[in-house]
Protein backbone atom coordinates (compact mmCIF):
# COMPACT_ATOMS: atom_id res chain seq x y z
CA MET A 1 135.10 -158.15 60.96
CA ASP A 2 137.32 -160.61 62.79
CA ILE A 3 135.89 -162.76 65.59
CA LYS A 4 137.78 -164.51 68.36
CA VAL A 5 136.92 -168.09 69.25
CA THR A 6 138.32 -170.23 72.04
CA ILE A 7 138.70 -173.97 71.44
CA GLN A 8 140.18 -176.21 74.16
CA GLY A 9 141.85 -173.20 75.79
CA LYS A 10 143.40 -171.87 72.56
CA GLU A 11 142.34 -168.67 70.81
CA TYR A 12 141.69 -168.45 67.07
CA VAL A 13 140.56 -165.62 64.81
CA TYR A 14 138.08 -166.09 61.96
CA PRO A 15 136.11 -163.69 59.76
CA ALA A 16 132.50 -163.11 60.74
CA GLY A 17 130.19 -165.47 58.85
CA THR A 18 132.65 -168.37 58.80
CA PRO A 19 130.74 -171.68 58.90
CA PHE A 20 131.41 -173.76 62.00
CA GLY A 21 132.18 -176.61 59.61
CA THR A 22 135.20 -174.71 58.30
CA ILE A 23 136.55 -174.27 61.81
CA ALA A 24 135.83 -177.94 62.55
CA ALA A 25 137.88 -178.96 59.50
CA ASP A 26 140.82 -176.87 60.77
CA VAL A 27 140.89 -178.60 64.18
CA GLN A 28 139.75 -182.10 63.12
CA LYS A 29 143.35 -183.33 63.45
CA ASP A 30 143.09 -182.83 67.20
CA TYR A 31 140.13 -185.23 67.49
CA ALA A 32 140.15 -189.00 67.18
CA HIS A 33 136.69 -189.19 65.58
CA ASP A 34 134.60 -187.18 63.12
CA ILE A 35 133.35 -183.83 64.41
CA VAL A 36 129.63 -183.60 63.67
CA LEU A 37 128.22 -180.86 65.97
CA VAL A 38 129.41 -177.79 67.82
CA SER A 39 128.41 -175.95 70.97
CA ALA A 40 128.85 -172.16 70.76
CA ASP A 41 128.79 -170.68 74.27
CA ARG A 42 126.94 -173.82 75.47
CA ARG A 43 124.33 -173.69 72.70
CA LEU A 44 124.35 -176.78 70.51
CA ARG A 45 124.51 -175.97 66.80
CA GLU A 46 124.87 -177.73 63.45
CA LEU A 47 128.11 -177.22 61.55
CA GLU A 48 126.40 -175.34 58.73
CA LYS A 49 125.65 -172.44 61.10
CA ARG A 50 127.95 -169.42 60.93
CA LEU A 51 130.11 -167.50 63.35
CA ASN A 52 128.68 -164.10 64.34
CA ALA A 53 130.22 -163.19 67.73
CA ASP A 54 133.16 -163.97 70.01
CA CYS A 55 132.51 -167.31 71.69
CA GLU A 56 133.88 -170.51 73.13
CA LEU A 57 133.42 -173.54 70.88
CA VAL A 58 133.13 -177.15 72.02
CA PHE A 59 133.09 -179.71 69.23
CA TYR A 60 131.21 -183.01 69.51
CA THR A 61 132.29 -186.14 67.68
CA THR A 62 130.54 -189.42 67.00
CA ALA A 63 132.06 -190.67 70.28
CA ASP A 64 129.95 -188.15 72.24
CA ALA A 65 126.29 -188.68 73.10
CA ALA A 66 125.02 -185.69 71.10
CA GLY A 67 127.20 -186.57 68.12
CA CYS A 68 126.24 -190.24 68.21
CA GLN A 69 122.55 -189.32 68.23
CA ALA A 70 123.04 -186.95 65.29
CA TYR A 71 124.81 -189.74 63.38
CA ARG A 72 121.98 -192.21 64.02
CA ARG A 73 119.32 -189.66 63.14
CA SER A 74 121.07 -188.72 59.89
CA LEU A 75 121.70 -192.36 58.96
CA THR A 76 118.00 -193.10 59.50
CA MET A 77 117.10 -190.36 57.04
CA LEU A 78 119.63 -191.72 54.54
CA LEU A 79 118.05 -195.17 54.92
CA MET A 80 114.58 -193.80 54.24
CA LYS A 81 115.75 -191.96 51.14
CA ALA A 82 117.31 -195.18 49.82
CA VAL A 83 114.24 -197.30 50.70
CA TYR A 84 111.89 -194.98 48.81
CA LYS A 85 114.31 -194.77 45.86
CA VAL A 86 114.82 -198.54 45.54
CA ALA A 87 111.19 -199.52 46.16
CA GLY A 88 109.66 -196.63 44.25
CA HIS A 89 107.78 -193.99 46.23
CA GLU A 90 104.48 -195.09 44.76
CA ASN A 91 105.00 -198.65 46.08
CA VAL A 92 105.61 -197.68 49.73
CA THR A 93 102.57 -197.24 51.94
CA ARG A 94 104.60 -196.79 55.10
CA ALA A 95 108.30 -197.09 55.93
CA GLN A 96 108.65 -197.20 59.69
CA VAL A 97 111.32 -197.22 62.40
CA GLN A 98 109.73 -199.35 65.10
CA HIS A 99 112.10 -199.89 68.03
CA SER A 100 115.66 -200.68 69.09
CA VAL A 101 117.16 -204.11 68.63
CA SER A 102 120.82 -205.10 69.09
CA SER A 103 122.76 -201.87 68.29
CA GLY A 104 120.26 -200.61 65.76
CA TYR A 105 116.68 -199.94 64.76
CA TYR A 106 114.15 -202.51 63.65
CA CYS A 107 112.39 -201.18 60.54
CA THR A 108 109.47 -202.33 58.40
CA VAL A 109 108.23 -201.38 54.95
CA GLU A 110 104.55 -201.72 54.02
CA GLY A 111 103.15 -201.66 50.50
CA SER A 112 103.85 -203.60 47.32
CA VAL A 113 107.43 -204.25 48.41
CA THR A 114 109.13 -207.55 49.25
CA VAL A 115 111.72 -207.05 51.98
CA ASP A 116 114.31 -209.75 51.29
CA GLU A 117 118.08 -210.06 50.93
CA GLU A 118 117.98 -208.75 47.36
CA PHE A 119 116.02 -205.67 48.45
CA LEU A 120 118.44 -204.99 51.34
CA ARG A 121 121.47 -205.34 49.07
CA ALA A 122 119.98 -202.77 46.72
CA VAL A 123 119.15 -200.41 49.59
CA LYS A 124 122.66 -200.71 51.05
CA ALA A 125 124.24 -200.11 47.65
CA LYS A 126 122.12 -197.00 47.17
CA MET A 127 123.04 -195.72 50.67
CA LEU A 128 126.76 -196.22 49.97
CA ASP A 129 126.31 -194.41 46.66
CA TYR A 130 124.85 -191.43 48.53
CA VAL A 131 127.68 -191.60 51.09
CA GLY A 132 130.27 -191.44 48.33
CA ARG A 133 128.56 -188.43 46.75
CA LYS A 134 128.63 -186.45 50.03
CA LEU A 135 125.16 -185.01 49.47
CA PRO A 136 124.36 -182.02 51.74
CA ILE A 137 121.76 -182.56 54.45
CA LYS A 138 119.94 -179.23 54.29
CA LYS A 139 117.62 -177.64 56.83
CA THR A 140 114.71 -175.54 55.61
CA ASN A 141 112.30 -173.56 57.75
CA VAL A 142 108.76 -173.63 56.33
CA ASN A 143 105.32 -172.76 57.61
CA THR A 144 103.38 -175.60 59.17
CA ASP A 145 100.68 -175.60 56.50
CA LYS A 146 103.30 -176.18 53.80
CA ALA A 147 104.85 -178.97 55.89
CA LEU A 148 101.44 -180.64 56.09
CA ARG A 149 101.10 -180.53 52.31
CA ILE A 150 104.59 -181.97 51.85
CA PHE A 151 103.93 -184.85 54.25
CA HIS A 152 100.63 -185.63 52.54
CA GLU A 153 102.25 -185.66 49.08
CA HIS A 154 105.00 -187.99 50.38
CA LYS A 155 102.38 -190.28 52.00
CA MET A 156 103.98 -189.66 55.40
CA TYR A 157 100.59 -189.63 57.05
CA ASP A 158 101.92 -190.11 60.61
CA LYS A 159 103.79 -186.81 60.30
CA GLU A 160 100.77 -185.13 58.74
CA ARG A 161 98.62 -186.28 61.66
CA LEU A 162 101.26 -185.16 64.18
CA PHE A 163 101.65 -181.67 62.75
CA ARG A 164 97.94 -180.94 62.75
CA TYR A 165 98.40 -180.40 66.49
CA ARG A 166 101.55 -178.30 66.22
CA ARG A 167 101.08 -174.88 67.79
CA ALA A 168 104.17 -173.23 66.26
CA SER A 169 103.55 -171.64 62.89
CA ARG A 170 106.83 -172.85 61.39
CA VAL A 171 108.86 -176.05 61.38
CA ASN A 172 112.34 -177.20 60.30
CA LEU A 173 112.44 -179.82 57.55
CA TYR A 174 115.53 -181.67 56.35
CA SER A 175 116.30 -182.69 52.79
CA ILE A 176 118.81 -184.86 50.97
CA GLY A 177 118.44 -183.94 47.32
CA ASP A 178 114.73 -184.12 46.52
CA PHE A 179 113.89 -186.26 49.58
CA GLU A 180 112.28 -184.24 52.38
CA ASP A 181 111.53 -185.39 55.92
CA TYR A 182 111.18 -184.20 59.50
CA TYR A 183 113.53 -185.30 62.29
CA TYR A 184 113.49 -184.31 65.91
CA GLY A 185 117.07 -183.13 66.55
CA TYR A 186 120.26 -182.07 64.82
CA MET A 187 121.87 -183.71 61.77
CA VAL A 188 125.39 -184.14 60.37
CA PRO A 189 126.40 -181.80 57.49
CA HIS A 190 126.39 -184.28 54.60
CA THR A 191 126.00 -187.95 53.74
CA GLY A 192 129.78 -188.48 53.51
CA TYR A 193 129.88 -188.77 57.30
CA LEU A 194 127.58 -191.81 57.29
CA LYS A 195 130.10 -194.47 56.28
CA TYR A 196 129.53 -197.01 59.02
CA PHE A 197 126.36 -199.11 59.09
CA GLU A 198 124.97 -202.53 58.18
CA LEU A 199 121.57 -203.93 57.22
CA TYR A 200 120.29 -207.28 58.48
CA LEU A 201 117.12 -209.09 57.48
CA TYR A 202 115.20 -209.85 60.67
CA ASP A 203 111.71 -211.11 61.48
CA GLU A 204 109.18 -209.33 59.21
CA GLY A 205 111.52 -206.44 58.44
CA PHE A 206 115.17 -205.56 58.83
CA VAL A 207 117.62 -203.91 61.22
CA LEU A 208 119.71 -200.82 60.55
CA GLN A 209 122.79 -201.55 62.66
CA PHE A 210 124.83 -198.58 63.95
CA PRO A 211 128.36 -198.27 65.28
CA THR A 212 128.55 -197.70 69.03
CA MET A 213 129.60 -194.55 70.85
CA ALA A 214 132.58 -196.47 72.26
CA GLU A 215 133.73 -197.52 68.75
CA PRO A 216 132.28 -195.03 66.24
CA GLU A 217 134.11 -196.51 63.24
CA ARG A 218 133.11 -200.13 63.86
CA VAL A 219 129.70 -201.74 63.36
CA PRO A 220 129.24 -204.50 65.95
CA PRO A 221 127.88 -207.92 64.95
CA PHE A 222 124.11 -208.25 64.97
CA ALA A 223 123.12 -209.81 68.30
CA PRO A 224 119.34 -209.70 68.71
CA GLN A 225 117.72 -210.16 72.10
CA HIS A 226 114.82 -212.34 71.01
CA LYS A 227 112.81 -212.17 74.23
CA VAL A 228 112.98 -208.37 74.38
CA PHE A 229 112.12 -208.19 70.69
CA GLN A 230 109.04 -210.37 71.12
CA VAL A 231 107.85 -208.17 74.00
CA LEU A 232 108.30 -205.07 71.84
CA LYS A 233 106.54 -206.77 68.95
CA GLU A 234 103.62 -207.64 71.20
CA ALA A 235 103.48 -204.04 72.44
CA THR A 236 103.40 -202.86 68.83
CA LYS A 237 100.46 -205.17 68.17
CA TRP A 238 98.68 -203.76 71.22
CA GLY A 239 99.23 -200.28 69.84
CA ASP A 240 97.95 -201.25 66.39
CA MET A 241 94.93 -202.96 67.94
CA LEU A 242 94.09 -199.78 69.86
CA GLY A 243 94.94 -197.54 66.90
CA ILE A 244 97.71 -195.82 68.88
CA SER A 245 101.17 -196.25 67.38
CA THR A 246 102.42 -192.64 67.26
CA VAL A 247 102.02 -189.39 69.16
CA GLY A 248 99.72 -188.17 66.39
CA ASP A 249 97.40 -191.13 67.01
CA LEU A 250 97.42 -190.36 70.72
CA ASN A 251 96.55 -186.72 70.05
CA ASP A 252 93.61 -187.85 67.90
CA CYS A 253 92.41 -190.13 70.70
CA ILE A 254 92.61 -187.33 73.27
CA SER A 255 90.81 -184.83 71.01
CA ARG A 256 87.96 -187.35 70.53
CA GLY A 257 87.60 -187.73 74.30
CA GLY A 258 88.76 -191.35 74.23
CA MET A 259 91.66 -191.13 76.69
CA GLN A 260 89.82 -192.67 79.64
CA GLN A 261 88.75 -195.65 77.56
CA LEU A 262 92.31 -196.05 76.25
CA ILE A 263 93.79 -196.06 79.75
CA MET A 264 91.24 -198.59 80.99
CA THR A 265 91.93 -200.89 78.02
CA GLN A 266 95.69 -200.68 78.51
CA GLU A 267 95.27 -201.41 82.21
CA ALA A 268 93.12 -204.44 81.38
CA LEU A 269 95.75 -205.76 78.96
CA GLN A 270 98.47 -205.25 81.54
CA GLU A 271 96.49 -206.93 84.31
CA ARG A 272 95.82 -209.90 82.05
CA ARG A 273 99.56 -210.33 81.48
CA ILE A 274 100.30 -210.05 85.20
CA ALA A 275 97.57 -212.59 85.97
CA GLU A 276 99.14 -215.01 83.47
CA ILE A 277 102.50 -214.66 85.24
CA ALA A 278 100.84 -215.23 88.62
CA SER A 279 99.20 -218.40 87.30
CA ARG A 280 102.57 -219.76 86.15
CA ILE A 281 104.06 -219.08 89.58
CA ALA A 282 101.12 -220.64 91.43
CA ALA A 283 101.43 -223.79 89.30
CA ASP A 284 104.93 -224.44 90.71
CA PRO A 285 104.85 -224.77 94.53
CA GLY A 286 108.65 -224.92 94.59
CA LYS A 287 108.91 -221.22 93.73
CA LYS A 288 109.34 -219.19 96.92
CA PHE A 289 111.31 -216.18 95.69
CA ILE A 290 109.99 -214.00 92.87
CA MET A 291 113.02 -211.97 91.74
CA ILE A 292 112.02 -208.78 89.88
CA ALA A 293 114.76 -206.71 88.21
CA GLY A 294 114.75 -203.71 85.93
CA PRO A 295 116.50 -200.36 85.40
CA SER A 296 115.82 -197.29 87.50
CA SER A 297 112.31 -195.83 87.11
CA SER A 298 111.04 -198.90 85.28
CA GLY A 299 108.18 -199.54 87.71
CA LYS A 300 109.61 -202.43 89.76
CA THR A 301 107.89 -201.44 93.00
CA THR A 302 104.51 -200.82 91.37
CA PHE A 303 104.77 -204.07 89.43
CA SER A 304 105.70 -206.07 92.54
CA HIS A 305 102.57 -204.85 94.34
CA ARG A 306 100.31 -205.51 91.35
CA LEU A 307 101.79 -208.99 90.97
CA SER A 308 101.21 -209.57 94.68
CA ILE A 309 97.50 -208.83 94.23
CA GLN A 310 97.28 -211.40 91.42
CA LEU A 311 99.23 -213.95 93.47
CA SER A 312 96.73 -213.44 96.29
CA ALA A 313 93.92 -214.07 93.82
CA ALA A 314 95.71 -217.31 92.88
CA GLY A 315 95.59 -218.50 96.51
CA LEU A 316 99.09 -217.55 97.62
CA LYS A 317 100.25 -215.21 100.41
CA PRO A 318 102.75 -212.81 98.81
CA HIS A 319 105.10 -210.55 100.77
CA PRO A 320 106.75 -207.71 98.79
CA ILE A 321 110.37 -207.05 99.79
CA ALA A 322 112.60 -204.25 98.48
CA VAL A 323 116.30 -205.10 98.15
CA ASP A 324 116.94 -201.43 98.98
CA ASN A 325 116.24 -202.34 102.63
CA TYR A 326 119.46 -204.37 102.54
CA PHE A 327 121.76 -201.47 101.73
CA VAL A 328 125.01 -201.48 103.67
CA GLU A 329 125.48 -198.66 106.18
CA ARG A 330 126.23 -195.34 104.50
CA GLU A 331 129.91 -195.20 105.46
CA MET A 332 130.41 -198.64 103.85
CA THR A 333 128.78 -197.68 100.54
CA PRO A 334 131.23 -197.82 97.60
CA LYS A 335 132.02 -194.58 95.80
CA ASP A 336 132.27 -193.90 92.06
CA GLU A 337 135.13 -192.24 90.17
CA ASP A 338 133.80 -188.81 91.19
CA GLY A 339 133.83 -189.67 94.87
CA GLU A 340 130.02 -189.89 95.08
CA TYR A 341 128.19 -192.79 96.75
CA ASN A 342 127.32 -195.46 94.21
CA PHE A 343 123.98 -196.86 95.35
CA GLU A 344 123.43 -198.86 92.16
CA CYS A 345 126.44 -201.18 92.36
CA LEU A 346 126.16 -204.65 93.89
CA GLY A 347 128.63 -203.68 96.59
CA ALA A 348 126.05 -201.26 98.03
CA ILE A 349 123.95 -204.27 99.10
CA ASP A 350 124.57 -206.30 102.26
CA ILE A 351 124.61 -209.54 100.27
CA GLU A 352 125.52 -211.83 103.13
CA LEU A 353 122.69 -210.57 105.36
CA PHE A 354 120.23 -210.90 102.50
CA ASN A 355 121.28 -214.47 101.73
CA ARG A 356 121.33 -215.53 105.38
CA GLN A 357 117.84 -214.22 106.06
CA MET A 358 116.39 -215.67 102.85
CA CYS A 359 117.87 -219.10 103.60
CA GLU A 360 116.50 -218.95 107.16
CA LEU A 361 113.04 -218.13 105.78
CA LEU A 362 113.29 -220.99 103.29
CA ALA A 363 114.14 -223.31 106.19
CA GLY A 364 110.97 -222.26 108.03
CA GLU A 365 112.66 -220.04 110.60
CA THR A 366 111.30 -216.70 111.85
CA VAL A 367 113.32 -213.69 110.73
CA GLU A 368 113.21 -209.99 111.65
CA LEU A 369 113.51 -208.09 108.38
CA PRO A 370 115.40 -204.78 108.24
CA TYR A 371 114.17 -201.37 107.12
CA PHE A 372 116.72 -199.01 105.65
CA ASN A 373 116.44 -195.43 106.87
CA PHE A 374 117.68 -193.27 103.99
CA LYS A 375 117.92 -190.20 106.21
CA THR A 376 120.30 -191.79 108.72
CA GLY A 377 121.90 -194.15 106.20
CA ARG A 378 121.47 -197.16 108.44
CA LYS A 379 119.35 -200.32 108.71
CA GLU A 380 116.74 -200.39 111.46
CA TYR A 381 114.80 -203.27 113.00
CA ASN A 382 111.25 -202.33 113.90
CA GLY A 383 109.69 -205.68 114.77
CA HIS A 384 108.89 -206.80 111.20
CA TYR A 385 109.04 -210.56 111.75
CA MET A 386 108.28 -213.10 109.05
CA THR A 387 107.91 -216.88 108.80
CA LEU A 388 107.19 -218.60 105.48
CA GLY A 389 104.27 -221.02 105.44
CA LYS A 390 103.18 -223.34 102.65
CA GLU A 391 101.32 -220.61 100.75
CA ASP A 392 103.73 -217.76 101.58
CA ILE A 393 105.91 -216.39 98.81
CA LEU A 394 108.38 -213.48 98.70
CA VAL A 395 108.13 -210.90 95.92
CA ILE A 396 111.58 -209.30 95.85
CA GLU A 397 112.42 -206.30 93.67
CA GLY A 398 115.74 -204.58 92.95
CA ILE A 399 118.02 -203.75 90.04
CA HIS A 400 120.30 -206.73 90.81
CA CYS A 401 117.63 -209.39 91.30
CA LEU A 402 118.63 -211.32 88.17
CA ASN A 403 122.27 -211.41 89.27
CA ASP A 404 123.05 -214.77 90.86
CA ALA A 405 125.67 -213.06 93.02
CA LEU A 406 122.87 -211.32 94.93
CA SER A 407 121.05 -214.56 95.84
CA HIS A 408 123.96 -217.01 95.58
CA SER A 409 122.80 -219.13 98.53
CA LEU A 410 119.27 -219.73 97.28
CA PRO A 411 118.48 -222.85 95.23
CA LYS A 412 117.83 -221.94 91.60
CA GLU A 413 114.65 -224.03 91.58
CA SER A 414 113.20 -221.79 94.32
CA LYS A 415 113.52 -218.62 92.21
CA PHE A 416 111.19 -217.25 89.54
CA ARG A 417 112.83 -214.41 87.60
CA ILE A 418 111.11 -211.44 85.99
CA TYR A 419 112.69 -208.52 84.15
CA ILE A 420 110.63 -205.41 83.55
CA SER A 421 111.37 -202.14 81.79
CA ALA A 422 109.36 -199.17 80.55
CA LEU A 423 110.20 -199.90 76.92
CA THR A 424 109.14 -197.43 74.26
CA GLN A 425 105.96 -198.53 72.50
CA LEU A 426 104.95 -195.11 71.20
CA ASN A 427 107.02 -193.17 68.67
CA VAL A 428 106.78 -189.51 67.67
CA ASP A 429 106.05 -190.58 64.09
CA GLU A 430 107.11 -193.26 61.61
CA HIS A 431 110.77 -192.13 61.58
CA ASN A 432 111.35 -190.56 65.02
CA ARG A 433 111.72 -192.83 68.06
CA ILE A 434 111.28 -191.86 71.68
CA PRO A 435 114.30 -193.45 73.41
CA THR A 436 113.45 -195.78 76.28
CA THR A 437 115.87 -193.89 78.53
CA ASP A 438 113.94 -190.66 77.84
CA GLY A 439 110.72 -192.39 78.82
CA ARG A 440 112.18 -193.55 82.12
CA LEU A 441 113.58 -190.08 82.79
CA ILE A 442 110.11 -188.59 82.30
CA ARG A 443 108.70 -191.20 84.70
């Protein structure tokens, strides 16, 4: 039976049962990058799936978000296969993807294994060998009990712990040759797609560096952000100290009735850190503006109020201020390429008013602060007057607070800068990360 498919407005005819990968190969010439996934009537599918009804197909390459994620996921599995092969399965207690760094994943290997340049060279060589052999990445649907046995035999205890709480009776496993693993999401068809990567020795482990979505055939230079890395490393230590490093660990804690204790401990750790920051600020009387930046839904407002409490405990008089109250009037707000108001660009802020009022406060003058009415799209003045005394300090939060262009008139020595973000410190298991952006979206 012949089936009609529509691709980019053109109609094609293929026999029923044709793999999507065959169709992808026929149209690959029309795409600048490797096709790795397909959407059939808006349902995302792997290329090994087969055609069974008339449909519209949309192909995704490594330059698309879904395709880029599939590439990274598949490359992570290839890395793990190579690590276990080079080190010897019996010598690996735990091979773990920890968190993002630069354009890749920071990974560690525990057991009787020395992670050094020689080890990484061997792992890379093995990965390139697998790439050249174009080994199929196969999906197998098994019952959950069998998956638990497989994870236990492979010493993937995080996955075993996770799947004890799985309600579904079956699960999809992936395999490359005799190496089996579980990954949350779709994969590329075979290892031949995974040509672009690099390994870098870093800290106590190494980094698997990926190409970017903007340049899928180029691996960017390794450029670690050391401060962010140290924060993530500290968060990992917190998790290890509490015995919570994966979702499976968290499920165990909840089932034992320990969630309340866990929350209280985490809150205590967080408050201790905030108190340390407040002490640093209080020790420098020249700091009058605490500038708090971070991406959307990272907790800037909550953090600014919690920091204010600790600053009060340190003998200061903090005043939280949201940069959002300095939005320009709605009709003056810049628009994006789709013609929608762009509230996140610097041009959406009345920079000159902000700088003038902050400088007046610093000079000891009394200022009436604005309040932005989001319903009317205009600033209002409701009698909120402020004068800075010796112990007064402003706690200012907004996504542009670390940008000198926002506070260009303020002396640098008067500013104390803080960047916060809801970074991922809990992974699904040892090989499946929860992206930070997903965490903020949930928040």
